[in-house]
Amino acid sequence: MRRKNENVVHIIIHNVLTELTKDTSKMDGFIEEYNRSHAEE
């Protein structure tokens, strides 16, 4: 039973990290765009 719980936790952590990385790549794009628009001033 303990083994199954460890797998569930691993899957949850994996899903959370996947969501976070998706958001991070969106943020990176936003930051690059922000820097680009402010570099022109």
N, C-alpha and C. Protein backbone atom coordinates (compact mmCIF):
# COMPACT_ATOMS: atom_id res chain seq x y z
N MET A 1 0.84 -1.20 0.00
CA MET A 1 0.00 0.00 0.00
C MET A 1 0.87 1.25 0.00
N ARG A 2 1.93 1.22 0.76
CA ARG A 2 2.82 2.38 0.85
C ARG A 2 3.39 2.75 -0.52
N ARG A 3 3.74 1.74 -1.29
CA ARG A 3 4.30 1.96 -2.63
C ARG A 3 3.33 2.76 -3.50
N LYS A 4 2.05 2.40 -3.44
CA LYS A 4 1.03 3.06 -4.25
C LYS A 4 0.94 4.54 -3.88
N ASN A 5 0.98 4.84 -2.60
CA ASN A 5 0.91 6.23 -2.15
C ASN A 5 2.09 7.03 -2.67
N GLU A 6 3.27 6.45 -2.66
CA GLU A 6 4.45 7.15 -3.17
C GLU A 6 4.27 7.47 -4.65
N ASN A 7 3.70 6.54 -5.40
CA ASN A 7 3.47 6.78 -6.82
C ASN A 7 2.48 7.91 -7.03
N VAL A 8 1.41 7.94 -6.22
CA VAL A 8 0.41 8.99 -6.35
C VAL A 8 1.04 10.34 -6.07
N VAL A 9 1.84 10.43 -5.02
CA VAL A 9 2.51 11.69 -4.68
C VAL A 9 3.42 12.11 -5.83
N HIS A 10 4.16 11.16 -6.37
CA HIS A 10 5.07 11.45 -7.48
C HIS A 10 4.30 12.02 -8.68
N ILE A 11 3.16 11.42 -8.99
CA ILE A 11 2.35 11.88 -10.12
C ILE A 11 1.83 13.29 -9.87
N ILE A 12 1.36 13.55 -8.64
CA ILE A 12 0.85 14.89 -8.30
C ILE A 12 1.95 15.92 -8.45
N ILE A 13 3.13 15.63 -7.90
CA ILE A 13 4.25 16.57 -7.98
C ILE A 13 4.61 16.81 -9.45
N HIS A 14 4.65 15.74 -10.22
CA HIS A 14 4.97 15.86 -11.64
C HIS A 14 3.97 16.79 -12.34
N ASN A 15 2.68 16.60 -12.05
CA ASN A 15 1.65 17.44 -12.67
C ASN A 15 1.78 18.89 -12.26
N VAL A 16 2.06 19.13 -10.99
CA VAL A 16 2.23 20.50 -10.51
C VAL A 16 3.42 21.15 -11.20
N LEU A 17 4.53 20.43 -11.27
CA LEU A 17 5.72 20.98 -11.93
C LEU A 17 5.45 21.26 -13.40
N THR A 18 4.72 20.37 -14.05
CA THR A 18 4.39 20.58 -15.45
C THR A 18 3.58 21.85 -15.63
N GLU A 19 2.58 22.06 -14.76
CA GLU A 19 1.77 23.28 -14.82
C GLU A 19 2.64 24.51 -14.58
N LEU A 20 3.51 24.44 -13.58
CA LEU A 20 4.37 25.57 -13.25
C LEU A 20 5.28 25.92 -14.42
N THR A 21 5.83 24.90 -15.07
CA THR A 21 6.74 25.18 -16.18
C THR A 21 5.99 25.78 -17.35
N LYS A 22 4.76 25.36 -17.57
CA LYS A 22 3.96 25.98 -18.63
C LYS A 22 3.80 27.46 -18.35
N ASP A 23 3.44 27.79 -17.10
CA ASP A 23 3.26 29.19 -16.72
C ASP A 23 4.58 29.95 -16.83
N THR A 24 5.67 29.30 -16.45
CA THR A 24 6.98 29.96 -16.50
C THR A 24 7.35 30.31 -17.93
N SER A 25 7.10 29.42 -18.86
CA SER A 25 7.46 29.72 -20.25
C SER A 25 6.59 30.86 -20.78
N LYS A 26 5.35 30.93 -20.33
CA LYS A 26 4.50 32.07 -20.70
C LYS A 26 5.09 33.35 -20.13
N MET A 27 5.53 33.30 -18.87
CA MET A 27 6.11 34.47 -18.21
C MET A 27 7.39 34.89 -18.92
N ASP A 28 8.22 33.93 -19.31
CA ASP A 28 9.47 34.25 -20.01
C ASP A 28 9.16 35.02 -21.29
N GLY A 29 8.17 34.57 -22.02
CA GLY A 29 7.77 35.26 -23.24
C GLY A 29 7.30 36.67 -22.94
N PHE A 30 6.54 36.81 -21.86
CA PHE A 30 6.04 38.12 -21.46
C PHE A 30 7.20 39.04 -21.08
N ILE A 31 8.15 38.50 -20.31
CA ILE A 31 9.30 39.29 -19.85
C ILE A 31 10.15 39.73 -21.05
N GLU A 32 10.39 38.81 -21.98
CA GLU A 32 11.16 39.16 -23.18
C GLU A 32 10.47 40.28 -23.95
N GLU A 33 9.17 40.16 -24.11
CA GLU A 33 8.39 41.17 -24.83
C GLU A 33 8.47 42.50 -24.10
N TYR A 34 8.36 42.46 -22.79
CA TYR A 34 8.43 43.67 -21.95
C TYR A 34 9.79 44.35 -22.12
N ASN A 35 10.86 43.55 -22.03
CA ASN A 35 12.21 44.09 -22.18
C ASN A 35 12.41 44.69 -23.56
N ARG A 36 11.90 44.01 -24.57
CA ARG A 36 12.05 44.48 -25.94
C ARG A 36 11.35 45.83 -26.11
N SER A 37 10.14 45.95 -25.61
CA SER A 37 9.39 47.19 -25.79
C SER A 37 10.01 48.34 -25.01
N HIS A 38 10.68 48.03 -23.89
CA HIS A 38 11.29 49.10 -23.09
C HIS A 38 12.71 49.43 -23.55
N ALA A 39 13.32 48.52 -24.29
CA ALA A 39 14.68 48.78 -24.78
C ALA A 39 14.66 49.83 -25.89
N GLU A 40 13.52 49.96 -26.56
CA GLU A 40 13.42 50.88 -27.69
C GLU A 40 13.32 52.34 -27.25
N GLU A 41 12.98 52.57 -25.98
CA GLU A 41 12.80 53.95 -25.51
C GLU A 41 14.10 54.71 -25.46
